[in-house]
Protein backbone atom coordinates (compact mmCIF):
# COMPACT_ATOMS: atom_id res chain seq x y z
CA MET A 1 -8.38 -24.93 12.55
CA ASN A 2 -10.16 -23.04 9.79
CA TYR A 3 -10.50 -19.27 9.78
CA PRO A 4 -13.11 -17.80 7.42
CA GLY A 5 -11.63 -15.36 4.94
CA ARG A 6 -8.04 -16.42 5.55
CA SER A 7 -6.17 -18.57 3.04
CA PRO A 8 -3.94 -21.45 4.15
CA LEU A 9 -0.17 -21.01 4.02
CA LEU A 10 2.30 -23.82 4.70
CA VAL A 11 5.81 -23.08 5.94
CA ILE A 12 8.57 -25.70 5.84
CA ALA A 13 11.66 -24.46 7.65
CA GLY A 14 14.78 -25.82 9.28
CA PRO A 15 18.56 -25.97 9.04
CA THR A 16 20.54 -26.60 5.89
CA GLY A 17 20.71 -30.21 4.77
CA THR A 18 17.51 -31.39 6.46
CA GLY A 19 15.57 -32.19 3.29
CA LYS A 20 13.08 -29.33 3.22
CA SER A 21 12.82 -29.28 -0.57
CA HIS A 22 12.15 -33.01 -0.79
CA LEU A 23 9.35 -32.83 1.76
CA ALA A 24 7.87 -29.78 0.07
CA LEU A 25 7.82 -31.50 -3.32
CA CYS A 26 6.04 -34.57 -1.92
CA LEU A 27 3.40 -32.47 -0.16
CA ALA A 28 2.95 -30.17 -3.16
CA ARG A 29 2.04 -33.16 -5.32
CA GLU A 30 -0.71 -34.18 -2.91
CA PHE A 31 -2.13 -30.82 -1.85
CA ARG A 32 -1.97 -28.63 -5.00
CA GLY A 33 0.98 -26.82 -3.54
CA GLU A 34 3.21 -24.23 -5.16
CA ILE A 35 6.66 -23.73 -3.69
CA VAL A 36 7.86 -20.25 -2.77
CA ASN A 37 11.59 -20.01 -2.12
CA CYS A 38 12.75 -18.69 1.26
CA ASP A 39 16.47 -19.33 0.79
CA SER A 40 18.41 -16.12 0.25
CA LEU A 41 20.98 -17.77 -2.05
CA GLN A 42 18.58 -19.70 -4.26
CA LEU A 43 17.30 -16.32 -5.42
CA TYR A 44 20.50 -15.92 -7.45
CA ARG A 45 20.95 -17.15 -11.01
CA GLY A 46 23.93 -19.40 -11.53
CA LEU A 47 24.20 -20.46 -7.89
CA ASP A 48 22.86 -23.98 -8.32
CA ILE A 49 25.20 -26.64 -6.94
CA GLY A 50 26.34 -24.77 -3.85
CA THR A 51 22.79 -23.85 -2.85
CA SER A 52 21.24 -27.28 -3.51
CA LYS A 53 18.70 -25.54 -5.72
CA PRO A 54 15.84 -27.85 -6.79
CA PRO A 55 16.68 -29.33 -10.21
CA LEU A 56 14.87 -28.02 -13.27
CA PRO A 57 12.64 -31.11 -13.78
CA GLU A 58 11.18 -30.62 -10.29
CA ARG A 59 10.62 -26.93 -10.93
CA LEU A 60 8.81 -27.79 -14.16
CA GLU A 61 6.65 -30.44 -12.49
CA ILE A 62 5.50 -28.26 -9.58
CA PRO A 63 5.32 -24.44 -9.80
CA HIS A 64 8.32 -22.89 -8.06
CA HIS A 65 8.54 -19.16 -7.33
CA LEU A 66 11.36 -16.73 -6.48
CA PHE A 67 14.18 -18.86 -7.85
CA ASP A 68 16.82 -17.36 -10.18
CA LEU A 69 15.43 -13.91 -9.52
CA LEU A 70 18.71 -12.01 -9.13
CA ASN A 71 22.13 -11.59 -10.69
CA PRO A 72 25.01 -12.73 -8.44
CA SER A 73 26.14 -9.14 -7.90
CA ASP A 74 22.69 -7.89 -6.84
CA VAL A 75 22.08 -6.82 -3.25
CA PHE A 76 18.79 -8.01 -1.79
CA ASN A 77 17.51 -7.80 1.78
CA ALA A 78 14.70 -9.16 3.93
CA GLY A 79 12.43 -6.23 3.17
CA ASP A 80 12.92 -6.77 -0.56
CA TYR A 81 12.09 -10.44 -0.08
CA ALA A 82 8.85 -9.76 1.80
CA ALA A 83 7.79 -7.23 -0.85
CA SER A 84 8.48 -9.80 -3.59
CA ALA A 85 6.95 -12.82 -1.87
CA ARG A 86 3.66 -11.42 -0.56
CA PRO A 87 2.13 -10.80 -4.03
CA VAL A 88 3.18 -14.32 -5.02
CA LEU A 89 1.36 -15.81 -2.03
CA ASN A 90 -1.76 -13.82 -2.87
CA ASP A 91 -1.68 -14.95 -6.48
CA ILE A 92 -1.32 -18.64 -5.57
CA ALA A 93 -4.17 -18.41 -3.06
CA ALA A 94 -6.39 -16.58 -5.57
CA ARG A 95 -5.95 -19.48 -8.00
CA GLY A 96 -6.94 -22.02 -5.34
CA GLY A 97 -3.45 -23.36 -4.73
CA LEU A 98 -1.60 -23.89 -1.47
CA PRO A 99 1.37 -21.52 -1.12
CA MET A 100 4.30 -23.34 0.50
CA VAL A 101 7.13 -21.16 1.80
CA VAL A 102 10.23 -23.35 1.92
CA GLY A 103 13.74 -22.48 3.05
CA GLY A 104 16.21 -21.81 5.80
CA THR A 105 16.68 -18.04 5.81
CA GLY A 106 15.01 -17.20 9.10
CA PHE A 107 15.18 -13.43 8.79
CA TYR A 108 13.44 -13.56 5.42
CA LEU A 109 10.69 -15.73 6.90
CA ARG A 110 10.24 -13.33 9.79
CA ALA A 111 10.02 -10.38 7.40
CA LEU A 112 7.43 -12.20 5.31
CA LEU A 113 5.18 -13.34 8.16
CA HIS A 114 5.62 -10.59 10.72
CA GLY A 115 6.95 -7.65 8.74
CA LEU A 116 9.89 -5.42 9.54
CA ALA A 117 9.96 -2.00 11.08
CA GLU A 118 11.63 0.50 8.79
CA GLY A 119 15.05 1.39 10.13
CA PRO A 120 16.89 4.69 9.71
CA ARG A 121 18.02 5.63 6.21
CA ARG A 122 21.46 4.43 5.22
CA SER A 123 24.38 6.76 5.80
CA ASP A 124 27.07 6.26 3.16
CA ASP A 125 29.66 8.13 5.23
CA LEU A 126 29.01 6.07 8.35
CA ARG A 127 28.98 2.80 6.41
CA LEU A 128 32.31 3.67 4.80
CA ARG A 129 33.85 4.34 8.21
CA LEU A 130 32.49 1.08 9.61
CA GLU A 131 33.80 -0.90 6.64
CA ARG A 132 37.23 0.65 7.14
CA VAL A 133 37.15 -0.33 10.80
CA GLU A 134 36.42 -3.95 9.88
CA SER A 135 39.06 -3.95 7.12
CA ARG A 136 41.75 -2.86 9.56
CA ARG A 137 40.87 -5.45 12.19
CA ALA A 138 38.60 -8.41 11.44
CA GLY A 139 36.01 -9.11 14.11
CA ARG A 140 35.96 -5.59 15.49
CA LEU A 141 32.45 -4.80 14.23
CA HIS A 142 31.04 -7.96 15.80
CA ARG A 143 32.60 -7.05 19.14
CA LEU A 144 31.14 -3.56 18.85
CA LEU A 145 27.72 -4.99 18.03
CA ARG A 146 27.90 -7.26 21.09
CA ARG A 147 28.17 -4.13 23.22
CA LEU A 148 25.47 -2.21 21.36
CA ASP A 149 22.98 -5.02 20.76
CA PRO A 150 23.82 -8.45 22.25
CA GLU A 151 20.60 -10.00 20.92
CA THR A 152 21.34 -9.15 17.29
CA ALA A 153 25.03 -10.03 17.67
CA SER A 154 24.13 -13.51 18.94
CA ARG A 155 22.31 -14.25 15.66
CA MET A 156 24.98 -12.85 13.36
CA HIS A 157 28.15 -14.52 12.08
CA PRO A 158 31.32 -12.53 12.89
CA ASN A 159 32.36 -12.65 9.22
CA ASP A 160 29.07 -11.43 7.73
CA ARG A 161 30.34 -7.93 7.04
CA ASN A 162 27.29 -6.56 5.23
CA LYS A 163 24.87 -7.48 8.00
CA LEU A 164 27.27 -6.32 10.70
CA VAL A 165 27.71 -2.93 9.06
CA ARG A 166 23.96 -2.45 8.74
CA ALA A 167 23.24 -3.59 12.32
CA VAL A 168 25.86 -1.29 13.83
CA GLU A 169 24.72 1.53 11.55
CA ILE A 170 21.13 1.16 12.80
CA CYS A 171 22.25 1.09 16.44
CA LEU A 172 24.27 4.28 16.03
CA LEU A 173 21.72 6.19 13.95
CA ALA A 174 18.65 5.11 15.95
CA ARG A 175 20.47 5.43 19.29
CA ARG A 176 19.02 2.13 20.44
CA PRO A 177 19.58 -1.58 19.68
CA ALA A 178 18.66 -2.72 16.18
CA SER A 179 16.62 -5.55 17.73
CA GLN A 180 14.36 -2.95 19.34
CA VAL A 181 14.04 -1.00 16.10
CA PHE A 182 12.91 -4.06 14.18
CA SER A 183 10.52 -5.31 16.86
CA ALA A 184 8.37 -2.19 16.69
CA GLY A 185 5.97 -0.96 14.07
CA SER A 186 6.13 -3.99 11.76
CA LYS A 187 3.31 -4.90 9.37
CA PRO A 188 2.46 -8.61 9.54
CA LEU A 189 1.22 -10.69 6.64
CA GLU A 190 -2.57 -10.40 6.30
CA GLY A 191 -5.18 -12.72 4.85
CA PHE A 192 -3.43 -16.00 5.67
CA ARG A 193 -3.40 -18.62 8.39
CA SER A 194 -0.13 -20.50 8.58
CA LEU A 195 0.94 -24.00 9.48
CA LYS A 196 4.65 -24.03 10.27
CA LEU A 197 6.61 -27.28 10.11
CA GLY A 198 10.24 -27.36 11.21
CA LEU A 199 12.74 -30.13 10.49
CA ASP A 200 15.09 -31.03 13.35
CA PRO A 201 16.79 -34.42 12.82
CA PRO A 202 19.29 -35.71 15.41
CA ARG A 203 22.39 -33.54 15.44
CA PRO A 204 24.98 -36.30 14.74
CA LEU A 205 22.99 -37.47 11.72
CA LEU A 206 22.65 -33.92 10.44
CA HIS A 207 26.39 -33.31 10.80
CA ALA A 208 27.12 -36.51 8.87
CA ARG A 209 24.69 -35.56 6.12
CA ILE A 210 26.17 -32.07 5.83
CA ALA A 211 29.63 -33.60 5.41
CA GLU A 212 28.37 -36.01 2.74
CA ARG A 213 26.52 -33.27 0.92
CA THR A 214 29.55 -30.99 0.91
CA VAL A 215 31.71 -33.69 -0.67
CA ARG A 216 28.98 -34.35 -3.22
CA MET A 217 28.77 -30.65 -4.12
CA PHE A 218 32.47 -30.48 -4.88
CA GLN A 219 32.34 -33.75 -6.80
CA SER A 220 29.40 -32.39 -8.81
CA GLY A 221 31.39 -29.40 -10.01
CA LEU A 222 31.04 -26.58 -7.48
CA LEU A 223 34.50 -25.27 -8.36
CA ASP A 224 33.59 -25.22 -12.04
CA GLU A 225 30.36 -23.40 -11.20
CA VAL A 226 32.37 -20.65 -9.51
CA ARG A 227 34.79 -20.50 -12.44
CA ARG A 228 31.88 -20.07 -14.85
CA LEU A 229 30.48 -17.24 -12.75
CA LEU A 230 33.85 -15.49 -12.80
CA GLN A 231 34.21 -16.02 -16.54
CA SER A 232 30.74 -14.55 -17.09
CA GLY A 233 31.88 -11.31 -15.49
CA VAL A 234 30.84 -11.75 -11.86
CA GLN A 235 33.41 -9.96 -9.72
CA PRO A 236 35.18 -11.73 -6.83
CA ASP A 237 33.67 -9.23 -4.38
CA ALA A 238 30.09 -10.00 -5.49
CA LYS A 239 27.52 -10.66 -2.80
CA ALA A 240 27.14 -14.28 -3.91
CA PHE A 241 30.79 -15.06 -3.23
CA GLU A 242 30.41 -14.18 0.45
CA SER A 243 28.30 -17.29 1.05
CA ILE A 244 29.38 -20.66 2.40
CA GLY A 245 30.96 -22.89 -0.22
CA TYR A 246 31.40 -20.13 -2.78
CA LYS A 247 33.92 -18.12 -0.78
CA GLU A 248 35.91 -21.31 -0.14
CA CYS A 249 35.89 -22.14 -3.85
CA LEU A 250 37.03 -18.61 -4.64
CA ALA A 251 39.93 -19.11 -2.23
CA VAL A 252 40.91 -22.30 -4.10
CA ILE A 253 40.78 -20.56 -7.48
CA GLU A 254 42.89 -17.69 -6.13
CA GLY A 255 45.45 -20.19 -4.80
CA ARG A 256 44.95 -19.40 -1.12
CA ILE A 257 43.80 -22.88 -0.03
CA SER A 258 43.61 -26.39 -1.48
CA ALA A 259 40.43 -28.11 -2.65
CA ALA A 260 40.62 -30.49 0.30
CA GLU A 261 40.84 -27.55 2.68
CA ALA A 262 37.83 -25.98 0.96
CA VAL A 263 35.75 -29.10 1.55
CA HIS A 264 36.77 -29.16 5.21
CA LEU A 265 36.10 -25.46 5.78
CA THR A 266 32.77 -25.60 3.96
CA THR A 267 31.66 -28.53 6.10
CA ILE A 268 32.55 -26.75 9.33
CA ALA A 269 30.90 -23.51 8.25
CA SER A 270 27.75 -25.34 7.15
CA ARG A 271 27.45 -27.11 10.49
CA GLN A 272 27.86 -23.83 12.33
CA TYR A 273 25.27 -22.23 10.09
CA ALA A 274 22.83 -25.08 10.75
CA LYS A 275 23.18 -24.47 14.48
CA ARG A 276 22.42 -20.77 14.06
CA GLN A 277 19.43 -21.56 11.85
CA LEU A 278 17.98 -23.91 14.43
CA THR A 279 18.43 -21.32 17.17
CA TRP A 280 16.60 -18.77 15.05
CA PHE A 281 13.68 -21.02 14.09
CA ARG A 282 13.16 -22.18 17.66
CA LYS A 283 12.12 -18.60 18.42
CA GLU A 284 9.37 -18.75 15.79
CA ALA A 285 6.06 -19.18 17.63
CA GLY A 286 3.81 -22.04 16.60
CA MET A 287 6.47 -24.13 14.86
CA ILE A 288 5.66 -27.86 14.83
CA TRP A 289 8.91 -29.80 14.98
CA LEU A 290 9.46 -33.03 13.05
CA ASN A 291 12.49 -34.90 14.34
CA HIS A 292 13.61 -36.62 11.16
CA PHE A 293 14.90 -35.64 7.70
CA GLY A 294 12.49 -34.43 5.05
CA ASP A 295 13.07 -37.52 2.90
CA SER A 296 12.07 -39.87 5.74
CA PRO A 297 8.75 -41.72 5.28
CA GLN A 298 7.99 -40.97 8.92
CA THR A 299 8.42 -37.23 8.35
CA LEU A 300 6.16 -37.33 5.29
CA ALA A 301 3.50 -39.23 7.24
CA GLU A 302 3.64 -36.77 10.14
CA ALA A 303 3.57 -33.76 7.85
CA ARG A 304 0.67 -35.19 5.86
CA HIS A 305 -1.23 -35.80 9.11
CA HIS A 306 -0.71 -32.24 10.34
CA LEU A 307 -1.58 -30.73 6.98
CA SER A 308 -4.69 -32.84 6.39
CA GLY A 309 -6.09 -31.96 9.80
CA TRP A 310 -5.35 -28.28 9.35
CA LEU A 311 -6.71 -27.61 5.86
């Protein structure tokens, strides 16, 4: 359906390993699309293999935005992402292109489309106390968050310390659940009408593909990528090294686990992450689900059909 005065915006979302980038590239070639990254890790320079970042030839063929934006030690949040992405969308639309937001970071997508309410200002003293609590006993912050805000806790990994600290901090400072804080007073994206396509292939096939992709990442030099980052001056406690695949490689380099164990742990963590991503995206209103991988001819045909009828 067309809406006068509102530019089209295509969203391609879904769990890790579903082929979002491949589908986006195919559609971009046909519909004058420009790809806008919505993967929190592909924002970082030097994180290429472990994030399945689109290769340089593809990024030269079709305009890609918000890739390699940050240093591995930089801290970046959903609000920062929305503030960076919205001008990019406006610029693409002004030039007559089709902005295509592609990625699996659900919170970033929500911030972009629906906006975020501004939470209470950070308290360095409180954050320090919360970090000490978690350092003394792993998992304690997640248990605390389950009591304070079950909804937010259900979407958050027990080992994601930065997000846990912020969520608990908001609950304590605002004196109400963080989920309530962020559901009120948000500023949604204006001037666009969106078509949202979600990839949801059969679970056993996705699990198999994740396992294959993990092995391929390590065979392609993921460990060497982490070594190069360390040699370039990136510290082991950098934000980038908290992510799946990179923290396992760091453990190998530090002699805490073997390479085989790293592959196994990365596969398990990636499958768990895919499940959380799917849970998150299923809550996104208006998502059209395609039940195959992004590199499937059937998926491309279905996506092309939806997009052609919508533009």
